[in-house]
């Protein structure tokens, strides 16, 4: 019989539903309860798990391990930083259908969703989402707080800076560097290095805004 880690999930939105499903399928976690700072969600439930409240109720749960199930990069990292500072341990959820190659390292508080592929010798930081059917090829480096959205592709040896959002269906060709805090619009194709804090769209991608 598997000894399961008893954990909480911080977040009770649609993204949390996916995270909960992944954790159930992994079979190594027992979800104790959910938390969310949206006061209107207290007392409700998601897939039968009660929403106990926000940060102020967390200490009453008695569980010291958990995961942040928030889609927003900035909000996810902010809650994660608070949890770590407060002495909580963060876990990572990986769907059983995800393909993780040899030499891959994945940090804390990450979610790797169904059908995702992470190829050889990639480094994935903390608080990263690799969403449904996203593909990260060999020798990529993905910094903390990045979201690689459904169907997005990072070709080989791509570096992505902290807090960047690679939107659905976007592609970054090989050997490029994408800065921190960048948004790559859905379906865009990145063919050159990108500086920090820009919004790019189209194929080939072009900067339309500094953010």
N, C-alpha and C. Protein backbone atom coordinates (compact mmCIF):
# COMPACT_ATOMS: atom_id res chain seq x y z
N UNK A 1 0.83 -1.19 0.00
CA UNK A 1 0.00 0.00 0.00
C UNK A 1 0.88 1.26 0.00
N UNK A 2 0.56 2.21 -0.87
CA UNK A 2 1.35 3.43 -0.99
C UNK A 2 1.05 4.37 0.17
N UNK A 3 2.11 4.88 0.80
CA UNK A 3 1.93 5.93 1.80
C UNK A 3 1.82 7.26 1.09
N UNK A 4 0.65 7.87 1.14
CA UNK A 4 0.41 9.10 0.40
C UNK A 4 0.75 10.33 1.24
N UNK A 5 1.32 11.33 0.56
CA UNK A 5 1.56 12.62 1.20
C UNK A 5 0.24 13.37 1.34
N UNK A 6 -0.05 13.82 2.55
CA UNK A 6 -1.26 14.60 2.80
C UNK A 6 -0.96 16.07 2.47
N UNK A 7 -1.72 16.64 1.54
CA UNK A 7 -1.41 17.96 1.01
C UNK A 7 -2.66 18.83 0.94
N UNK A 8 -2.42 20.14 0.82
CA UNK A 8 -3.50 21.08 0.52
C UNK A 8 -3.28 21.63 -0.89
N UNK A 9 -4.34 22.15 -1.47
CA UNK A 9 -4.27 22.85 -2.75
C UNK A 9 -4.69 24.29 -2.50
N UNK A 10 -3.82 25.25 -2.86
CA UNK A 10 -4.16 26.66 -2.69
C UNK A 10 -4.65 27.17 -4.05
N UNK A 11 -5.95 27.36 -4.13
CA UNK A 11 -6.61 27.74 -5.37
C UNK A 11 -7.85 26.87 -5.54
N UNK A 12 -8.93 27.47 -6.02
CA UNK A 12 -10.18 26.72 -6.17
C UNK A 12 -10.92 27.13 -7.44
N UNK A 13 -10.14 27.44 -8.48
CA UNK A 13 -10.71 27.88 -9.76
C UNK A 13 -10.67 26.72 -10.76
N UNK A 14 -10.88 27.06 -12.04
CA UNK A 14 -10.80 26.05 -13.07
C UNK A 14 -9.44 25.40 -13.17
N UNK A 15 -8.38 26.20 -13.00
CA UNK A 15 -7.03 25.63 -13.02
C UNK A 15 -6.85 24.62 -11.88
N UNK A 16 -7.42 24.93 -10.73
CA UNK A 16 -7.32 24.00 -9.60
C UNK A 16 -7.99 22.66 -9.90
N UNK A 17 -9.08 22.69 -10.67
CA UNK A 17 -9.73 21.43 -11.04
C UNK A 17 -8.77 20.51 -11.78
N UNK A 18 -8.00 21.09 -12.70
CA UNK A 18 -7.04 20.29 -13.46
C UNK A 18 -5.94 19.76 -12.54
N UNK A 19 -5.45 20.60 -11.65
CA UNK A 19 -4.39 20.18 -10.73
C UNK A 19 -4.88 19.06 -9.82
N UNK A 20 -6.09 19.20 -9.31
CA UNK A 20 -6.66 18.15 -8.45
C UNK A 20 -6.74 16.83 -9.21
N UNK A 21 -7.23 16.88 -10.44
CA UNK A 21 -7.35 15.66 -11.24
C UNK A 21 -5.99 15.00 -11.45
N UNK A 22 -4.96 15.81 -11.72
CA UNK A 22 -3.61 15.27 -11.91
C UNK A 22 -3.13 14.60 -10.62
N UNK A 23 -3.33 15.26 -9.49
CA UNK A 23 -2.85 14.71 -8.22
C UNK A 23 -3.56 13.41 -7.87
N UNK A 24 -4.85 13.35 -8.18
CA UNK A 24 -5.56 12.09 -7.94
C UNK A 24 -5.00 10.97 -8.82
N UNK A 25 -4.72 11.29 -10.08
CA UNK A 25 -4.20 10.27 -11.00
C UNK A 25 -2.78 9.84 -10.64
N UNK A 26 -1.98 10.75 -10.06
CA UNK A 26 -0.64 10.36 -9.63
C UNK A 26 -0.68 9.27 -8.57
N UNK A 27 -1.66 9.35 -7.69
CA UNK A 27 -1.82 8.32 -6.67
C UNK A 27 -0.86 8.40 -5.51
N UNK A 28 -0.14 9.51 -5.39
CA UNK A 28 0.83 9.63 -4.29
C UNK A 28 0.45 10.73 -3.31
N UNK A 29 -0.67 11.42 -3.58
CA UNK A 29 -1.11 12.51 -2.72
C UNK A 29 -2.50 12.22 -2.17
N UNK A 30 -2.72 12.66 -0.94
CA UNK A 30 -4.05 12.71 -0.35
C UNK A 30 -4.39 14.18 -0.13
N UNK A 31 -5.38 14.68 -0.84
CA UNK A 31 -5.75 16.09 -0.74
C UNK A 31 -6.64 16.28 0.48
N UNK A 32 -6.16 17.11 1.42
CA UNK A 32 -6.89 17.33 2.66
C UNK A 32 -7.99 18.37 2.49
N UNK A 33 -7.64 19.50 1.88
CA UNK A 33 -8.61 20.57 1.70
C UNK A 33 -8.04 21.61 0.75
N UNK A 34 -8.89 22.52 0.36
CA UNK A 34 -8.53 23.60 -0.55
C UNK A 34 -8.55 24.93 0.17
N UNK A 35 -7.76 25.88 -0.35
CA UNK A 35 -7.75 27.24 0.17
C UNK A 35 -7.80 28.21 -1.00
N UNK A 36 -8.40 29.35 -0.77
CA UNK A 36 -8.45 30.40 -1.79
C UNK A 36 -8.75 31.71 -1.07
N UNK A 37 -8.04 32.78 -1.46
CA UNK A 37 -8.26 34.08 -0.82
C UNK A 37 -9.54 34.77 -1.27
N UNK A 38 -10.25 34.19 -2.23
CA UNK A 38 -11.56 34.70 -2.62
C UNK A 38 -12.57 34.27 -1.57
N UNK A 39 -13.01 35.21 -0.74
CA UNK A 39 -13.88 34.89 0.39
C UNK A 39 -15.20 34.26 -0.05
N UNK A 40 -15.63 34.54 -1.27
CA UNK A 40 -16.91 34.00 -1.74
C UNK A 40 -16.87 32.49 -1.95
N UNK A 41 -15.66 31.91 -2.00
CA UNK A 41 -15.53 30.47 -2.23
C UNK A 41 -15.50 29.66 -0.94
N UNK A 42 -15.34 30.33 0.19
CA UNK A 42 -15.28 29.61 1.46
C UNK A 42 -16.57 28.85 1.70
N UNK A 43 -16.43 27.59 2.08
CA UNK A 43 -17.59 26.74 2.34
C UNK A 43 -18.07 25.97 1.12
N UNK A 44 -17.59 26.33 -0.05
CA UNK A 44 -17.94 25.58 -1.25
C UNK A 44 -16.98 24.40 -1.40
N UNK A 45 -17.15 23.64 -2.45
CA UNK A 45 -16.25 22.50 -2.67
C UNK A 45 -15.95 22.35 -4.15
N UNK A 46 -14.83 21.71 -4.43
CA UNK A 46 -14.42 21.39 -5.79
C UNK A 46 -14.13 19.90 -5.83
N UNK A 47 -14.89 19.16 -6.64
CA UNK A 47 -14.75 17.71 -6.73
C UNK A 47 -14.83 17.05 -5.35
N UNK A 48 -15.65 17.63 -4.47
CA UNK A 48 -15.84 17.05 -3.16
C UNK A 48 -14.86 17.50 -2.10
N UNK A 49 -13.88 18.30 -2.47
CA UNK A 49 -12.91 18.82 -1.49
C UNK A 49 -13.37 20.18 -1.01
N UNK A 50 -13.48 20.39 0.29
CA UNK A 50 -13.99 21.66 0.82
C UNK A 50 -12.98 22.80 0.69
N UNK A 51 -13.49 23.99 0.43
CA UNK A 51 -12.68 25.20 0.46
C UNK A 51 -12.75 25.77 1.87
N UNK A 52 -11.64 25.67 2.60
CA UNK A 52 -11.64 26.01 4.03
C UNK A 52 -11.51 27.49 4.30
N UNK A 53 -11.13 28.28 3.29
CA UNK A 53 -10.93 29.72 3.47
C UNK A 53 -9.64 30.15 2.81
N UNK A 54 -9.09 31.26 3.30
CA UNK A 54 -7.86 31.81 2.73
C UNK A 54 -6.66 31.54 3.60
N UNK A 55 -5.65 32.39 3.46
CA UNK A 55 -4.39 32.18 4.18
C UNK A 55 -4.58 32.09 5.68
N UNK A 56 -5.55 32.89 6.19
CA UNK A 56 -5.72 32.93 7.64
C UNK A 56 -6.19 31.60 8.21
N UNK A 57 -6.85 30.76 7.40
CA UNK A 57 -7.31 29.45 7.88
C UNK A 57 -6.29 28.33 7.67
N UNK A 58 -5.25 28.60 6.92
CA UNK A 58 -4.33 27.54 6.51
C UNK A 58 -3.67 26.85 7.71
N UNK A 59 -3.28 27.61 8.70
CA UNK A 59 -2.58 27.01 9.84
C UNK A 59 -3.46 26.03 10.61
N UNK A 60 -4.77 26.19 10.51
CA UNK A 60 -5.69 25.31 11.23
C UNK A 60 -5.83 23.95 10.57
N UNK A 61 -5.39 23.85 9.32
CA UNK A 61 -5.51 22.60 8.57
C UNK A 61 -4.56 21.53 9.10
N UNK A 62 -3.40 21.97 9.61
CA UNK A 62 -2.43 21.03 10.14
C UNK A 62 -1.63 20.29 9.10
N UNK A 63 -1.73 20.72 7.84
CA UNK A 63 -1.00 20.09 6.74
C UNK A 63 0.11 21.04 6.31
N UNK A 64 1.32 20.52 6.19
CA UNK A 64 2.48 21.38 5.93
C UNK A 64 3.01 21.29 4.50
N UNK A 65 2.35 20.49 3.66
CA UNK A 65 2.74 20.38 2.25
C UNK A 65 1.56 20.76 1.37
N UNK A 66 1.87 21.40 0.23
CA UNK A 66 0.79 21.76 -0.67
C UNK A 66 1.30 22.22 -2.01
N UNK A 67 0.37 22.66 -2.85
CA UNK A 67 0.68 23.16 -4.18
C UNK A 67 -0.21 24.37 -4.45
N UNK A 68 0.31 25.32 -5.22
CA UNK A 68 -0.45 26.52 -5.57
C UNK A 68 -1.06 26.32 -6.95
N UNK A 69 -2.37 26.24 -6.99
CA UNK A 69 -3.10 25.99 -8.24
C UNK A 69 -3.75 27.29 -8.71
N UNK A 70 -2.92 28.22 -9.12
CA UNK A 70 -3.37 29.53 -9.60
C UNK A 70 -2.73 29.76 -10.97
N UNK A 71 -3.55 30.11 -11.95
CA UNK A 71 -3.05 30.25 -13.31
C UNK A 71 -2.18 31.47 -13.55
N UNK A 72 -2.49 32.58 -12.89
CA UNK A 72 -1.72 33.81 -13.06
C UNK A 72 -0.29 33.62 -12.57
N UNK A 73 0.68 33.94 -13.42
CA UNK A 73 2.08 33.76 -13.02
C UNK A 73 2.44 34.57 -11.78
N UNK A 74 2.05 35.83 -11.78
CA UNK A 74 2.42 36.71 -10.66
C UNK A 74 1.75 36.27 -9.37
N UNK A 75 0.46 35.95 -9.44
CA UNK A 75 -0.27 35.54 -8.24
C UNK A 75 0.23 34.20 -7.72
N UNK A 76 0.52 33.29 -8.63
CA UNK A 76 1.01 31.97 -8.21
C UNK A 76 2.33 32.10 -7.46
N UNK A 77 3.25 32.89 -8.00
CA UNK A 77 4.55 33.06 -7.34
C UNK A 77 4.41 33.79 -6.01
N UNK A 78 3.53 34.80 -5.95
CA UNK A 78 3.35 35.55 -4.71
C UNK A 78 2.84 34.65 -3.59
N UNK A 79 1.85 33.82 -3.89
CA UNK A 79 1.33 32.90 -2.88
C UNK A 79 2.39 31.87 -2.51
N UNK A 80 3.10 31.34 -3.51
CA UNK A 80 4.15 30.36 -3.23
C UNK A 80 5.24 30.93 -2.34
N UNK A 81 5.66 32.16 -2.63
CA UNK A 81 6.69 32.80 -1.81
C UNK A 81 6.22 32.95 -0.37
N UNK A 82 4.95 33.34 -0.20
CA UNK A 82 4.38 33.48 1.15
C UNK A 82 4.37 32.13 1.87
N UNK A 83 3.99 31.08 1.17
CA UNK A 83 3.93 29.76 1.79
C UNK A 83 5.32 29.29 2.23
N UNK A 84 6.31 29.45 1.36
CA UNK A 84 7.67 29.02 1.70
C UNK A 84 8.20 29.82 2.89
N UNK A 85 7.98 31.13 2.86
CA UNK A 85 8.41 31.97 3.98
C UNK A 85 7.72 31.57 5.28
N UNK A 86 6.50 31.07 5.16
CA UNK A 86 5.72 30.66 6.33
C UNK A 86 6.02 29.23 6.77
N UNK A 87 6.95 28.57 6.09
CA UNK A 87 7.39 27.26 6.54
C UNK A 87 6.71 26.07 5.89
N UNK A 88 5.98 26.31 4.81
CA UNK A 88 5.31 25.20 4.12
C UNK A 88 6.22 24.64 3.02
N UNK A 89 6.04 23.36 2.73
CA UNK A 89 6.77 22.69 1.66
C UNK A 89 5.86 22.57 0.44
N UNK A 90 6.40 22.87 -0.74
CA UNK A 90 5.61 22.83 -1.96
C UNK A 90 5.96 21.60 -2.78
N UNK A 91 4.92 20.97 -3.34
CA UNK A 91 5.09 19.74 -4.12
C UNK A 91 4.79 20.02 -5.59
N UNK A 92 5.13 19.07 -6.44
CA UNK A 92 4.93 19.17 -7.88
C UNK A 92 3.99 18.07 -8.35
N UNK A 93 3.10 18.44 -9.28
CA UNK A 93 2.12 17.49 -9.82
C UNK A 93 2.45 17.22 -11.29
N UNK A 94 2.59 15.95 -11.64
CA UNK A 94 2.92 15.54 -13.00
C UNK A 94 1.91 14.49 -13.46
N UNK A 95 1.19 14.80 -14.53
CA UNK A 95 0.19 13.86 -15.04
C UNK A 95 0.88 12.58 -15.52
N UNK A 96 0.29 11.41 -15.25
CA UNK A 96 0.92 10.16 -15.68
C UNK A 96 1.15 10.04 -17.18
N UNK A 97 0.38 10.78 -17.98
CA UNK A 97 0.56 10.70 -19.43
C UNK A 97 1.64 11.64 -19.96
N UNK A 98 2.19 12.48 -19.11
CA UNK A 98 3.27 13.37 -19.54
C UNK A 98 4.53 12.56 -19.81
N UNK A 99 5.31 13.00 -20.79
CA UNK A 99 6.55 12.32 -21.13
C UNK A 99 7.73 13.15 -20.63
N UNK A 100 8.44 12.62 -19.65
CA UNK A 100 9.58 13.31 -19.06
C UNK A 100 10.83 12.49 -19.39
N UNK A 101 11.73 13.08 -20.18
CA UNK A 101 12.91 12.35 -20.64
C UNK A 101 14.01 12.33 -19.58
N UNK A 102 15.07 11.58 -19.88
CA UNK A 102 16.20 11.49 -18.96
C UNK A 102 16.91 12.85 -18.88
N UNK A 103 17.48 13.11 -17.70
CA UNK A 103 18.24 14.33 -17.50
C UNK A 103 17.42 15.55 -17.23
N UNK A 104 16.11 15.41 -17.10
CA UNK A 104 15.23 16.56 -16.84
C UNK A 104 15.18 16.83 -15.34
N UNK A 105 15.26 18.09 -14.96
CA UNK A 105 15.03 18.49 -13.57
C UNK A 105 13.83 19.43 -13.54
N UNK A 106 12.97 19.20 -12.57
CA UNK A 106 11.74 19.99 -12.41
C UNK A 106 11.69 20.48 -10.98
N UNK A 107 11.47 21.78 -10.80
CA UNK A 107 11.48 22.38 -9.48
C UNK A 107 10.23 22.13 -8.67
N UNK A 108 10.08 22.88 -7.60
CA UNK A 108 8.95 22.76 -6.69
C UNK A 108 7.75 23.55 -7.21
N UNK A 109 6.58 23.09 -6.82
CA UNK A 109 5.33 23.81 -7.10
C UNK A 109 5.07 23.94 -8.60
N UNK A 110 5.45 22.92 -9.35
CA UNK A 110 5.19 22.89 -10.80
C UNK A 110 4.01 21.99 -11.09
N UNK A 111 3.39 22.23 -12.24
CA UNK A 111 2.34 21.35 -12.75
C UNK A 111 2.68 21.00 -14.19
N UNK A 112 2.75 19.71 -14.48
CA UNK A 112 2.97 19.22 -15.84
C UNK A 112 1.71 18.44 -16.23
N UNK A 113 1.02 18.93 -17.24
CA UNK A 113 -0.32 18.43 -17.53
C UNK A 113 -0.33 17.31 -18.56
N UNK A 114 -1.51 16.79 -18.82
CA UNK A 114 -1.68 15.63 -19.69
C UNK A 114 -1.11 15.89 -21.08
N UNK A 115 -0.36 14.90 -21.58
CA UNK A 115 0.17 14.97 -22.92
C UNK A 115 1.37 15.87 -23.11
N UNK A 116 1.84 16.50 -22.06
CA UNK A 116 3.01 17.36 -22.18
C UNK A 116 4.26 16.51 -22.40
N UNK A 117 5.24 17.10 -23.11
CA UNK A 117 6.52 16.43 -23.37
C UNK A 117 7.64 17.36 -22.93
N UNK A 118 8.53 16.85 -22.10
CA UNK A 118 9.75 17.59 -21.73
C UNK A 118 10.92 16.68 -22.07
N UNK A 119 11.69 17.11 -23.05
CA UNK A 119 12.75 16.24 -23.57
C UNK A 119 14.07 16.41 -22.81
N UNK A 120 15.07 15.66 -23.24
CA UNK A 120 16.29 15.41 -22.47
C UNK A 120 17.01 16.68 -22.02
N UNK A 121 17.50 16.61 -20.78
CA UNK A 121 18.39 17.61 -20.20
C UNK A 121 17.78 19.02 -20.13
N UNK A 122 16.48 19.08 -19.97
CA UNK A 122 15.83 20.38 -19.71
C UNK A 122 15.86 20.69 -18.22
N UNK A 123 15.90 21.96 -17.92
CA UNK A 123 15.79 22.43 -16.53
C UNK A 123 14.54 23.28 -16.42
N UNK A 124 13.65 22.87 -15.54
CA UNK A 124 12.39 23.57 -15.30
C UNK A 124 12.45 24.13 -13.87
N UNK A 125 12.27 25.43 -13.75
CA UNK A 125 12.38 26.07 -12.44
C UNK A 125 11.20 25.80 -11.53
N UNK A 126 11.04 26.61 -10.52
CA UNK A 126 9.93 26.50 -9.58
C UNK A 126 8.70 27.24 -10.11
N UNK A 127 7.52 26.81 -9.68
CA UNK A 127 6.25 27.50 -9.94
C UNK A 127 5.93 27.58 -11.44
N UNK A 128 6.31 26.55 -12.19
CA UNK A 128 6.11 26.52 -13.65
C UNK A 128 4.89 25.68 -13.98
N UNK A 129 4.12 26.14 -14.97
CA UNK A 129 3.05 25.33 -15.55
C UNK A 129 3.47 24.91 -16.95
N UNK A 130 3.50 23.61 -17.20
CA UNK A 130 3.65 23.07 -18.54
C UNK A 130 2.29 22.46 -18.89
N UNK A 131 1.53 23.18 -19.68
CA UNK A 131 0.11 22.88 -19.84
C UNK A 131 -0.13 21.74 -20.84
N UNK A 132 -1.40 21.45 -21.05
CA UNK A 132 -1.83 20.31 -21.84
C UNK A 132 -1.18 20.28 -23.22
N UNK A 133 -0.51 19.17 -23.53
CA UNK A 133 0.11 18.92 -24.84
C UNK A 133 1.18 19.95 -25.22
N UNK A 134 1.72 20.67 -24.26
CA UNK A 134 2.86 21.55 -24.54
C UNK A 134 4.11 20.70 -24.74
N UNK A 135 5.07 21.24 -25.52
CA UNK A 135 6.28 20.50 -25.84
C UNK A 135 7.51 21.37 -25.57
N UNK A 136 8.42 20.83 -24.77
CA UNK A 136 9.67 21.51 -24.46
C UNK A 136 10.79 20.57 -24.87
N UNK A 137 11.56 20.98 -25.87
CA UNK A 137 12.55 20.06 -26.43
C UNK A 137 13.87 20.14 -25.66
N UNK A 138 14.85 19.39 -26.14
CA UNK A 138 16.09 19.13 -25.39
C UNK A 138 16.83 20.41 -24.99
N UNK A 139 17.44 20.35 -23.83
CA UNK A 139 18.38 21.37 -23.35
C UNK A 139 17.76 22.76 -23.18
N UNK A 140 16.47 22.81 -22.95
CA UNK A 140 15.84 24.10 -22.67
C UNK A 140 16.00 24.46 -21.19
N UNK A 141 15.97 25.75 -20.92
CA UNK A 141 15.98 26.26 -19.55
C UNK A 141 14.75 27.15 -19.38
N UNK A 142 13.90 26.77 -18.44
CA UNK A 142 12.67 27.51 -18.17
C UNK A 142 12.74 28.02 -16.74
N UNK A 143 12.78 29.33 -16.58
CA UNK A 143 12.99 29.93 -15.26
C UNK A 143 11.71 29.88 -14.41
N UNK A 144 11.81 30.37 -13.19
CA UNK A 144 10.70 30.33 -12.24
C UNK A 144 9.48 31.08 -12.77
N UNK A 145 8.30 30.52 -12.45
CA UNK A 145 7.05 31.24 -12.66
C UNK A 145 6.59 31.34 -14.09
N UNK A 146 7.12 30.53 -14.98
CA UNK A 146 6.74 30.55 -16.40
C UNK A 146 5.49 29.70 -16.60
N UNK A 147 4.68 30.07 -17.60
CA UNK A 147 3.55 29.25 -18.04
C UNK A 147 3.72 28.97 -19.52
N UNK A 148 3.89 27.69 -19.86
CA UNK A 148 3.91 27.25 -21.25
C UNK A 148 2.52 26.66 -21.53
N UNK A 149 1.71 27.38 -22.28
CA UNK A 149 0.28 27.12 -22.39
C UNK A 149 -0.01 25.91 -23.29
N UNK A 150 -1.30 25.48 -23.36
CA UNK A 150 -1.63 24.31 -24.16
C UNK A 150 -1.16 24.40 -25.61
N UNK A 151 -0.51 23.33 -26.05
CA UNK A 151 -0.06 23.24 -27.43
C UNK A 151 1.11 24.10 -27.80
N UNK A 152 1.71 24.81 -26.87
CA UNK A 152 2.88 25.65 -27.17
C UNK A 152 4.12 24.78 -27.30
N UNK A 153 5.09 25.28 -28.07
CA UNK A 153 6.31 24.51 -28.35
C UNK A 153 7.55 25.37 -28.13
N UNK A 154 8.44 24.85 -27.30
CA UNK A 154 9.79 25.40 -27.20
C UNK A 154 10.71 24.41 -27.90
N UNK A 155 11.33 24.83 -28.99
CA UNK A 155 12.28 23.96 -29.68
C UNK A 155 13.58 23.86 -28.86
N UNK A 156 14.54 23.12 -29.35
CA UNK A 156 15.71 22.81 -28.56
C UNK A 156 16.54 24.02 -28.17
N UNK A 157 17.11 23.94 -26.97
CA UNK A 157 18.08 24.92 -26.46
C UNK A 157 17.50 26.34 -26.41
N UNK A 158 16.27 26.44 -25.96
CA UNK A 158 15.61 27.74 -25.74
C UNK A 158 15.71 28.08 -24.26
N UNK A 159 15.98 29.35 -23.97
CA UNK A 159 15.97 29.85 -22.59
C UNK A 159 14.80 30.81 -22.42
N UNK A 160 14.03 30.61 -21.36
CA UNK A 160 12.86 31.45 -21.09
C UNK A 160 13.02 32.06 -19.71
N UNK A 161 12.90 33.39 -19.62
CA UNK A 161 13.08 34.11 -18.37
C UNK A 161 11.89 34.02 -17.44
N UNK A 162 12.11 34.43 -16.21
CA UNK A 162 11.12 34.29 -15.14
C UNK A 162 9.81 35.02 -15.47
N UNK A 163 8.70 34.36 -15.13
CA UNK A 163 7.39 34.97 -15.23
C UNK A 163 6.84 35.14 -16.62
N UNK A 164 7.48 34.56 -17.61
CA UNK A 164 7.02 34.70 -19.00
C UNK A 164 5.85 33.77 -19.28
N UNK A 165 4.98 34.21 -20.19
CA UNK A 165 3.79 33.45 -20.58
C UNK A 165 3.88 33.16 -22.07
N UNK A 166 4.09 31.90 -22.40
CA UNK A 166 4.08 31.44 -23.78
C UNK A 166 2.66 30.95 -24.06
N UNK A 167 1.88 31.73 -24.78
CA UNK A 167 0.45 31.46 -24.90
C UNK A 167 0.17 30.26 -25.82
N UNK A 168 -1.09 29.86 -25.85
CA UNK A 168 -1.50 28.63 -26.53
C UNK A 168 -1.06 28.59 -27.99
N UNK A 169 -0.46 27.49 -28.37
CA UNK A 169 -0.09 27.26 -29.76
C UNK A 169 1.10 28.05 -30.26
N UNK A 170 1.77 28.81 -29.41
CA UNK A 170 2.94 29.58 -29.84
C UNK A 170 4.15 28.65 -30.00
N UNK A 171 5.09 29.09 -30.83
CA UNK A 171 6.31 28.32 -31.07
C UNK A 171 7.52 29.23 -30.93
N UNK A 172 8.54 28.74 -30.24
CA UNK A 172 9.83 29.42 -30.17
C UNK A 172 10.85 28.52 -30.85
N UNK A 173 11.48 29.03 -31.94
CA UNK A 173 12.41 28.20 -32.69
C UNK A 173 13.70 27.99 -31.90
N UNK A 174 14.57 27.07 -32.34
CA UNK A 174 15.72 26.68 -31.51
C UNK A 174 16.71 27.81 -31.23
N UNK A 175 17.41 27.63 -30.09
CA UNK A 175 18.60 28.42 -29.74
C UNK A 175 18.31 29.89 -29.46
N UNK A 176 17.11 30.20 -29.01
CA UNK A 176 16.75 31.58 -28.73
C UNK A 176 16.66 31.83 -27.23
N UNK A 177 16.72 33.12 -26.87
CA UNK A 177 16.50 33.54 -25.49
C UNK A 177 15.28 34.46 -25.45
N UNK A 178 14.34 34.10 -24.60
CA UNK A 178 13.14 34.90 -24.37
C UNK A 178 13.27 35.51 -22.98
N UNK A 179 13.11 36.81 -22.87
CA UNK A 179 13.35 37.50 -21.61
C UNK A 179 12.34 37.20 -20.53
N UNK A 180 12.47 37.89 -19.42
CA UNK A 180 11.55 37.74 -18.28
C UNK A 180 10.32 38.62 -18.48
N UNK A 181 9.19 38.14 -17.97
CA UNK A 181 7.96 38.93 -18.01
C UNK A 181 7.42 39.17 -19.39
N UNK A 182 7.75 38.29 -20.33
CA UNK A 182 7.31 38.42 -21.72
C UNK A 182 5.97 37.71 -21.90
N UNK A 183 5.14 38.22 -22.79
CA UNK A 183 3.95 37.50 -23.24
C UNK A 183 4.11 37.23 -24.73
N UNK A 184 4.10 35.95 -25.09
CA UNK A 184 4.14 35.55 -26.50
C UNK A 184 2.72 35.16 -26.88
N UNK A 185 2.10 35.94 -27.75
CA UNK A 185 0.70 35.77 -28.08
C UNK A 185 0.38 34.41 -28.69
N UNK A 186 -0.87 34.01 -28.54
CA UNK A 186 -1.31 32.71 -29.02
C UNK A 186 -1.02 32.55 -30.51
N UNK A 187 -0.46 31.40 -30.87
CA UNK A 187 -0.18 31.09 -32.26
C UNK A 187 1.02 31.79 -32.87
N UNK A 188 1.72 32.59 -32.11
CA UNK A 188 2.86 33.33 -32.63
C UNK A 188 4.07 32.41 -32.84
N UNK A 189 4.96 32.83 -33.74
CA UNK A 189 6.22 32.12 -33.95
C UNK A 189 7.37 33.06 -33.67
N UNK A 190 8.14 32.74 -32.64
CA UNK A 190 9.27 33.59 -32.24
C UNK A 190 10.51 33.12 -33.00
N UNK A 191 11.12 34.05 -33.77
CA UNK A 191 12.26 33.70 -34.62
C UNK A 191 13.53 34.47 -34.24
N UNK A 192 13.46 35.26 -33.17
CA UNK A 192 14.63 36.00 -32.70
C UNK A 192 14.55 36.18 -31.20
N UNK A 193 15.70 36.49 -30.58
CA UNK A 193 15.71 36.73 -29.14
C UNK A 193 14.75 37.86 -28.77
N UNK A 194 14.18 37.77 -27.56
CA UNK A 194 13.25 38.79 -27.08
C UNK A 194 13.76 39.39 -25.78
N UNK A 195 13.66 40.73 -25.64
CA UNK A 195 14.06 41.37 -24.39
C UNK A 195 13.00 41.14 -23.31
N UNK A 196 13.27 41.64 -22.11
CA UNK A 196 12.31 41.54 -21.01
C UNK A 196 11.06 42.38 -21.28
N UNK A 197 9.95 41.92 -20.72
CA UNK A 197 8.71 42.69 -20.58
C UNK A 197 8.21 43.30 -21.90
N UNK A 198 8.00 42.41 -22.87
CA UNK A 198 7.37 42.82 -24.11
C UNK A 198 6.22 41.86 -24.42
N UNK A 199 5.24 42.37 -25.18
CA UNK A 199 4.18 41.56 -25.73
C UNK A 199 4.46 41.39 -27.21
N UNK A 200 4.54 40.14 -27.68
CA UNK A 200 4.79 39.89 -29.09
C UNK A 200 3.66 39.05 -29.67
N UNK A 201 3.34 39.29 -30.94
CA UNK A 201 2.29 38.55 -31.61
C UNK A 201 2.70 38.29 -33.05
N UNK A 202 1.99 37.36 -33.67
CA UNK A 202 2.06 37.09 -35.10
C UNK A 202 3.21 36.13 -35.44
N UNK A 203 3.31 35.81 -36.74
CA UNK A 203 4.34 34.91 -37.26
C UNK A 203 4.95 35.52 -38.51
N UNK A 204 6.20 35.95 -38.46
CA UNK A 204 7.07 35.92 -37.28
C UNK A 204 6.61 36.93 -36.23
N UNK A 205 6.92 36.63 -34.99
CA UNK A 205 6.47 37.48 -33.89
C UNK A 205 7.12 38.86 -33.94
N UNK A 206 6.35 39.86 -33.61
CA UNK A 206 6.86 41.24 -33.56
C UNK A 206 6.40 41.88 -32.25
N UNK A 207 7.21 42.77 -31.73
CA UNK A 207 6.86 43.46 -30.49
C UNK A 207 5.81 44.50 -30.79
N UNK A 208 4.70 44.43 -30.04
CA UNK A 208 3.67 45.44 -30.22
C UNK A 208 3.49 46.32 -28.98
N UNK A 209 4.13 45.91 -27.87
CA UNK A 209 3.92 46.67 -26.65
C UNK A 209 4.99 46.32 -25.64
N UNK A 210 5.44 47.31 -24.88
CA UNK A 210 6.29 47.08 -23.71
C UNK A 210 5.38 47.04 -22.48
N UNK A 211 5.57 46.07 -21.62
CA UNK A 211 4.63 45.84 -20.51
C UNK A 211 5.33 45.89 -19.15
